[in-house]
Amino acid sequence: MEELMNLHFLNAIWVFLLPLILMILDILTGYYNAWKNKEVSSSKMRDGLGKKCAELCYILVGTAFNFAFGIAAIMYFMVIYVCYMEIVSLAENCTKLGIPVPNKIKEKLNNDKGEQ
C-alpha cells in the first residue's frame, strides 16, 4: 500500500499507465460519440483498437531500447508521442460531443469545419 502512495511521474509504471489511461478515455469518448450519432461500426472499432495496439508496441520498443542499450530518451519520446496523440484525439472527441474546448485548440483539430 505504501508503494502506491509513493507513485511519482518518473516511476516506470507511469510509462505504461498514463498512455493506457488516455487510450481508455479515448476509446470511451469515441464509442460514446459513435453511439450518440448512431454510427457504431465494428470495422471502425477494430481499426481503432489496432491502432491502440500499435501505440502500445511503440512504447514496448522504447522500453526495450531503454533496457537493452540504456537509452531512456527513446522510451520517453515514444510515451510522450503516444500521450500527445491520445490527448489530441480526446480533444477531437470532446468537440464532437459538444464539450467546451478552448477556441485556440479547437481551430487546430482535425474535425470537419461544420462540427466546430
N, C-alpha and C. Protein backbone atom coordinates (compact mmCIF):
# COMPACT_ATOMS: atom_id res chain seq x y z
N MET A 1 0.83 -1.20 0.00
CA MET A 1 0.00 0.00 0.00
C MET A 1 0.87 1.25 0.00
N GLU A 2 1.95 1.21 0.76
CA GLU A 2 2.84 2.36 0.81
C GLU A 2 3.46 2.63 -0.56
N GLU A 3 3.66 1.58 -1.34
CA GLU A 3 4.21 1.73 -2.68
C GLU A 3 3.29 2.57 -3.57
N LEU A 4 1.99 2.38 -3.42
CA LEU A 4 1.03 3.16 -4.20
C LEU A 4 1.04 4.63 -3.81
N MET A 5 1.32 4.90 -2.56
CA MET A 5 1.34 6.29 -2.10
C MET A 5 2.57 7.04 -2.61
N ASN A 6 3.60 6.31 -3.03
CA ASN A 6 4.84 6.94 -3.47
C ASN A 6 5.00 6.94 -4.99
N LEU A 7 3.89 6.85 -5.73
CA LEU A 7 3.99 6.89 -7.18
C LEU A 7 4.39 8.29 -7.64
N HIS A 8 5.42 8.36 -8.41
CA HIS A 8 5.87 9.62 -8.99
C HIS A 8 5.79 9.47 -10.50
N PHE A 9 5.70 10.59 -11.21
CA PHE A 9 5.61 10.50 -12.66
C PHE A 9 6.90 9.99 -13.28
N LEU A 10 7.98 9.95 -12.55
CA LEU A 10 9.22 9.38 -13.06
C LEU A 10 9.30 7.88 -12.81
N ASN A 11 8.35 7.36 -12.05
CA ASN A 11 8.30 5.94 -11.79
C ASN A 11 8.00 5.20 -13.09
N ALA A 12 8.61 4.04 -13.28
CA ALA A 12 8.48 3.28 -14.52
C ALA A 12 7.03 2.86 -14.81
N ILE A 13 6.21 2.73 -13.78
CA ILE A 13 4.82 2.31 -14.03
C ILE A 13 4.05 3.33 -14.85
N TRP A 14 4.41 4.61 -14.74
CA TRP A 14 3.71 5.65 -15.49
C TRP A 14 4.00 5.56 -16.98
N VAL A 15 5.09 4.93 -17.36
CA VAL A 15 5.41 4.76 -18.78
C VAL A 15 4.29 3.99 -19.46
N PHE A 16 3.68 3.07 -18.77
CA PHE A 16 2.57 2.29 -19.33
C PHE A 16 1.22 2.78 -18.85
N LEU A 17 1.13 3.23 -17.62
CA LEU A 17 -0.15 3.58 -17.02
C LEU A 17 -0.77 4.84 -17.65
N LEU A 18 0.00 5.90 -17.80
CA LEU A 18 -0.55 7.13 -18.34
C LEU A 18 -1.06 6.96 -19.78
N PRO A 19 -0.28 6.39 -20.71
CA PRO A 19 -0.83 6.17 -22.05
C PRO A 19 -2.05 5.25 -22.04
N LEU A 20 -2.04 4.24 -21.18
CA LEU A 20 -3.17 3.32 -21.09
C LEU A 20 -4.43 4.03 -20.62
N ILE A 21 -4.31 4.89 -19.63
CA ILE A 21 -5.46 5.65 -19.14
C ILE A 21 -6.00 6.55 -20.26
N LEU A 22 -5.09 7.24 -20.96
CA LEU A 22 -5.53 8.11 -22.05
C LEU A 22 -6.18 7.31 -23.18
N MET A 23 -5.66 6.13 -23.47
CA MET A 23 -6.26 5.28 -24.50
C MET A 23 -7.66 4.85 -24.11
N ILE A 24 -7.84 4.46 -22.87
CA ILE A 24 -9.17 4.04 -22.40
C ILE A 24 -10.16 5.20 -22.49
N LEU A 25 -9.73 6.38 -22.07
CA LEU A 25 -10.61 7.56 -22.17
C LEU A 25 -10.95 7.86 -23.62
N ASP A 26 -9.97 7.72 -24.51
CA ASP A 26 -10.21 7.97 -25.94
C ASP A 26 -11.19 6.95 -26.51
N ILE A 27 -11.03 5.70 -26.15
CA ILE A 27 -11.94 4.65 -26.63
C ILE A 27 -13.36 4.93 -26.13
N LEU A 28 -13.49 5.27 -24.85
CA LEU A 28 -14.82 5.52 -24.28
C LEU A 28 -15.49 6.73 -24.92
N THR A 29 -14.75 7.83 -25.08
CA THR A 29 -15.37 9.02 -25.68
C THR A 29 -15.67 8.80 -27.16
N GLY A 30 -14.80 8.07 -27.85
CA GLY A 30 -15.04 7.77 -29.26
C GLY A 30 -16.26 6.88 -29.44
N TYR A 31 -16.38 5.86 -28.59
CA TYR A 31 -17.53 4.97 -28.67
C TYR A 31 -18.82 5.72 -28.33
N TYR A 32 -18.77 6.54 -27.29
CA TYR A 32 -19.96 7.31 -26.91
C TYR A 32 -20.37 8.24 -28.04
N ASN A 33 -19.41 8.86 -28.69
CA ASN A 33 -19.71 9.75 -29.82
C ASN A 33 -20.37 8.97 -30.96
N ALA A 34 -19.82 7.79 -31.26
CA ALA A 34 -20.41 6.96 -32.33
C ALA A 34 -21.81 6.49 -31.94
N TRP A 35 -21.99 6.11 -30.69
CA TRP A 35 -23.30 5.65 -30.22
C TRP A 35 -24.32 6.78 -30.29
N LYS A 36 -23.90 7.97 -29.85
CA LYS A 36 -24.79 9.13 -29.85
C LYS A 36 -25.24 9.49 -31.26
N ASN A 37 -24.34 9.35 -32.23
CA ASN A 37 -24.65 9.69 -33.62
C ASN A 37 -25.14 8.49 -34.42
N LYS A 38 -25.37 7.37 -33.73
CA LYS A 38 -25.84 6.13 -34.38
C LYS A 38 -24.91 5.70 -35.51
N GLU A 39 -23.59 5.74 -35.23
CA GLU A 39 -22.58 5.37 -36.21
C GLU A 39 -21.65 4.28 -35.69
N VAL A 40 -22.13 3.44 -34.78
CA VAL A 40 -21.29 2.39 -34.22
C VAL A 40 -20.98 1.38 -35.33
N SER A 41 -19.69 1.12 -35.51
CA SER A 41 -19.25 0.22 -36.58
C SER A 41 -18.15 -0.68 -36.04
N SER A 42 -18.34 -1.98 -36.20
CA SER A 42 -17.33 -2.92 -35.69
C SER A 42 -16.02 -2.78 -36.46
N SER A 43 -16.08 -2.46 -37.74
CA SER A 43 -14.85 -2.33 -38.52
C SER A 43 -14.06 -1.10 -38.06
N LYS A 44 -14.75 0.00 -37.75
CA LYS A 44 -14.05 1.18 -37.24
C LYS A 44 -13.45 0.90 -35.86
N MET A 45 -14.18 0.13 -35.06
CA MET A 45 -13.67 -0.21 -33.72
C MET A 45 -12.43 -1.10 -33.85
N ARG A 46 -12.46 -2.07 -34.78
CA ARG A 46 -11.28 -2.92 -34.99
C ARG A 46 -10.08 -2.10 -35.44
N ASP A 47 -10.32 -1.17 -36.38
CA ASP A 47 -9.23 -0.30 -36.84
C ASP A 47 -8.67 0.52 -35.69
N GLY A 48 -9.55 1.10 -34.89
CA GLY A 48 -9.12 1.91 -33.76
C GLY A 48 -8.35 1.11 -32.73
N LEU A 49 -8.84 -0.08 -32.42
CA LEU A 49 -8.14 -0.92 -31.44
C LEU A 49 -6.81 -1.41 -31.99
N GLY A 50 -6.75 -1.63 -33.31
CA GLY A 50 -5.48 -2.00 -33.94
C GLY A 50 -4.45 -0.88 -33.79
N LYS A 51 -4.90 0.35 -33.93
CA LYS A 51 -4.01 1.49 -33.75
C LYS A 51 -3.54 1.60 -32.30
N LYS A 52 -4.44 1.31 -31.38
CA LYS A 52 -4.06 1.34 -29.96
C LYS A 52 -3.00 0.28 -29.67
N CYS A 53 -3.15 -0.90 -30.26
CA CYS A 53 -2.14 -1.95 -30.08
C CYS A 53 -0.80 -1.51 -30.67
N ALA A 54 -0.83 -0.85 -31.82
CA ALA A 54 0.41 -0.35 -32.42
C ALA A 54 1.07 0.69 -31.51
N GLU A 55 0.26 1.56 -30.90
CA GLU A 55 0.80 2.55 -29.98
C GLU A 55 1.47 1.89 -28.77
N LEU A 56 0.85 0.82 -28.26
CA LEU A 56 1.46 0.09 -27.15
C LEU A 56 2.78 -0.56 -27.59
N CYS A 57 2.83 -1.00 -28.86
CA CYS A 57 4.08 -1.56 -29.39
C CYS A 57 5.17 -0.49 -29.45
N TYR A 58 4.81 0.75 -29.80
CA TYR A 58 5.79 1.84 -29.79
C TYR A 58 6.43 1.95 -28.40
N ILE A 59 5.59 1.92 -27.39
CA ILE A 59 6.08 2.05 -26.03
C ILE A 59 6.95 0.85 -25.65
N LEU A 60 6.55 -0.35 -26.07
CA LEU A 60 7.36 -1.54 -25.78
C LEU A 60 8.71 -1.47 -26.47
N VAL A 61 8.75 -0.97 -27.70
CA VAL A 61 10.03 -0.82 -28.40
C VAL A 61 10.92 0.18 -27.67
N GLY A 62 10.33 1.30 -27.25
CA GLY A 62 11.08 2.29 -26.49
C GLY A 62 11.61 1.71 -25.19
N THR A 63 10.79 0.92 -24.53
CA THR A 63 11.20 0.28 -23.28
C THR A 63 12.32 -0.73 -23.54
N ALA A 64 12.24 -1.45 -24.65
CA ALA A 64 13.30 -2.41 -25.00
C ALA A 64 14.63 -1.68 -25.22
N PHE A 65 14.57 -0.52 -25.89
CA PHE A 65 15.79 0.27 -26.08
C PHE A 65 16.34 0.72 -24.73
N ASN A 66 15.47 1.07 -23.83
CA ASN A 66 15.92 1.50 -22.51
C ASN A 66 16.64 0.37 -21.77
N PHE A 67 16.05 -0.82 -21.78
CA PHE A 67 16.66 -1.94 -21.06
C PHE A 67 17.89 -2.50 -21.79
N ALA A 68 17.83 -2.57 -23.12
CA ALA A 68 18.92 -3.18 -23.88
C ALA A 68 20.14 -2.26 -23.99
N PHE A 69 19.90 -0.97 -24.24
CA PHE A 69 21.01 -0.06 -24.51
C PHE A 69 21.13 1.06 -23.49
N GLY A 70 20.19 1.13 -22.56
CA GLY A 70 20.24 2.19 -21.56
C GLY A 70 19.88 3.55 -22.13
N ILE A 71 19.12 3.56 -23.23
CA ILE A 71 18.72 4.82 -23.87
C ILE A 71 17.27 5.12 -23.46
N ALA A 72 17.11 5.81 -22.35
CA ALA A 72 15.78 6.11 -21.84
C ALA A 72 15.09 7.18 -22.68
N ALA A 73 15.84 8.00 -23.39
CA ALA A 73 15.26 9.09 -24.17
C ALA A 73 14.29 8.57 -25.23
N ILE A 74 14.61 7.43 -25.85
CA ILE A 74 13.73 6.86 -26.87
C ILE A 74 12.42 6.42 -26.22
N MET A 75 12.50 5.79 -25.08
CA MET A 75 11.30 5.35 -24.37
C MET A 75 10.41 6.54 -24.02
N TYR A 76 11.02 7.58 -23.45
CA TYR A 76 10.24 8.75 -23.06
C TYR A 76 9.67 9.48 -24.27
N PHE A 77 10.42 9.51 -25.37
CA PHE A 77 9.90 10.12 -26.59
C PHE A 77 8.66 9.37 -27.07
N MET A 78 8.72 8.05 -27.07
CA MET A 78 7.58 7.24 -27.51
C MET A 78 6.37 7.47 -26.60
N VAL A 79 6.59 7.53 -25.30
CA VAL A 79 5.49 7.74 -24.36
C VAL A 79 4.88 9.11 -24.59
N ILE A 80 5.71 10.13 -24.74
CA ILE A 80 5.20 11.49 -24.97
C ILE A 80 4.44 11.56 -26.29
N TYR A 81 4.97 10.90 -27.31
CA TYR A 81 4.31 10.89 -28.62
C TYR A 81 2.93 10.24 -28.53
N VAL A 82 2.84 9.09 -27.89
CA VAL A 82 1.56 8.39 -27.75
C VAL A 82 0.59 9.23 -26.92
N CYS A 83 1.07 9.80 -25.82
CA CYS A 83 0.20 10.63 -24.98
C CYS A 83 -0.31 11.84 -25.74
N TYR A 84 0.56 12.46 -26.54
CA TYR A 84 0.15 13.61 -27.35
C TYR A 84 -0.95 13.21 -28.33
N MET A 85 -0.76 12.08 -29.03
CA MET A 85 -1.79 11.62 -29.98
C MET A 85 -3.12 11.37 -29.27
N GLU A 86 -3.06 10.77 -28.10
CA GLU A 86 -4.29 10.46 -27.36
C GLU A 86 -4.98 11.73 -26.86
N ILE A 87 -4.21 12.70 -26.41
CA ILE A 87 -4.80 13.95 -25.94
C ILE A 87 -5.47 14.70 -27.08
N VAL A 88 -4.84 14.72 -28.25
CA VAL A 88 -5.44 15.36 -29.42
C VAL A 88 -6.73 14.63 -29.80
N SER A 89 -6.70 13.31 -29.80
CA SER A 89 -7.89 12.53 -30.13
C SER A 89 -9.01 12.77 -29.11
N LEU A 90 -8.65 12.86 -27.84
CA LEU A 90 -9.65 13.17 -26.81
C LEU A 90 -10.27 14.55 -27.05
N ALA A 91 -9.45 15.53 -27.39
CA ALA A 91 -9.97 16.87 -27.67
C ALA A 91 -10.91 16.85 -28.86
N GLU A 92 -10.56 16.09 -29.91
CA GLU A 92 -11.44 15.96 -31.07
C GLU A 92 -12.77 15.33 -30.67
N ASN A 93 -12.72 14.27 -29.88
CA ASN A 93 -13.94 13.62 -29.42
C ASN A 93 -14.79 14.57 -28.59
N CYS A 94 -14.14 15.35 -27.73
CA CYS A 94 -14.88 16.29 -26.88
C CYS A 94 -15.58 17.35 -27.70
N THR A 95 -14.92 17.86 -28.75
CA THR A 95 -15.59 18.87 -29.58
C THR A 95 -16.77 18.26 -30.31
N LYS A 96 -16.63 17.02 -30.77
CA LYS A 96 -17.74 16.35 -31.44
C LYS A 96 -18.91 16.10 -30.50
N LEU A 97 -18.62 15.91 -29.22
CA LEU A 97 -19.67 15.67 -28.22
C LEU A 97 -20.26 16.97 -27.69
N GLY A 98 -19.69 18.10 -28.08
CA GLY A 98 -20.22 19.38 -27.63
C GLY A 98 -19.65 19.85 -26.31
N ILE A 99 -18.60 19.21 -25.84
CA ILE A 99 -17.95 19.63 -24.60
C ILE A 99 -17.08 20.84 -24.93
N PRO A 100 -17.16 21.90 -24.13
CA PRO A 100 -16.40 23.10 -24.44
C PRO A 100 -14.88 22.86 -24.45
N VAL A 101 -14.27 23.29 -25.54
CA VAL A 101 -12.82 23.23 -25.72
C VAL A 101 -12.39 24.63 -26.13
N PRO A 102 -11.29 25.15 -25.59
CA PRO A 102 -10.85 26.49 -25.97
C PRO A 102 -10.71 26.65 -27.49
N ASN A 103 -11.11 27.82 -28.00
CA ASN A 103 -11.11 28.06 -29.44
C ASN A 103 -9.73 27.88 -30.06
N LYS A 104 -8.67 28.27 -29.36
CA LYS A 104 -7.31 28.11 -29.89
C LYS A 104 -7.00 26.65 -30.19
N ILE A 105 -7.47 25.76 -29.32
CA ILE A 105 -7.25 24.33 -29.52
C ILE A 105 -8.20 23.81 -30.59
N LYS A 106 -9.45 24.23 -30.53
CA LYS A 106 -10.46 23.76 -31.47
C LYS A 106 -10.08 24.06 -32.93
N GLU A 107 -9.44 25.21 -33.16
CA GLU A 107 -9.03 25.60 -34.52
C GLU A 107 -7.99 24.65 -35.10
N LYS A 108 -7.19 24.03 -34.25
CA LYS A 108 -6.09 23.16 -34.70
C LYS A 108 -6.50 21.71 -34.88
N LEU A 109 -7.69 21.34 -34.44
CA LEU A 109 -8.11 19.94 -34.50
C LEU A 109 -8.51 19.54 -35.90
N ASN A 110 -8.51 18.23 -36.13
CA ASN A 110 -8.78 17.68 -37.45
C ASN A 110 -10.26 17.35 -37.64
N ASN A 111 -11.15 18.09 -37.02
CA ASN A 111 -12.57 17.87 -37.19
C ASN A 111 -13.06 18.62 -38.41
N ASP A 112 -14.19 18.17 -38.94
CA ASP A 112 -14.80 18.91 -40.05
C ASP A 112 -15.18 20.30 -39.58
N LYS A 113 -15.09 21.27 -40.47
CA LYS A 113 -15.37 22.66 -40.09
C LYS A 113 -16.82 22.84 -39.62
N GLY A 114 -17.72 22.02 -40.12
CA GLY A 114 -19.12 22.14 -39.74
C GLY A 114 -19.39 21.73 -38.29
N GLU A 115 -18.51 20.89 -37.74
CA GLU A 115 -18.72 20.39 -36.39
C GLU A 115 -18.12 21.31 -35.35
N GLN A 116 -17.32 22.26 -35.74
CA GLN A 116 -16.68 23.12 -34.77
C GLN A 116 -17.62 24.24 -34.47
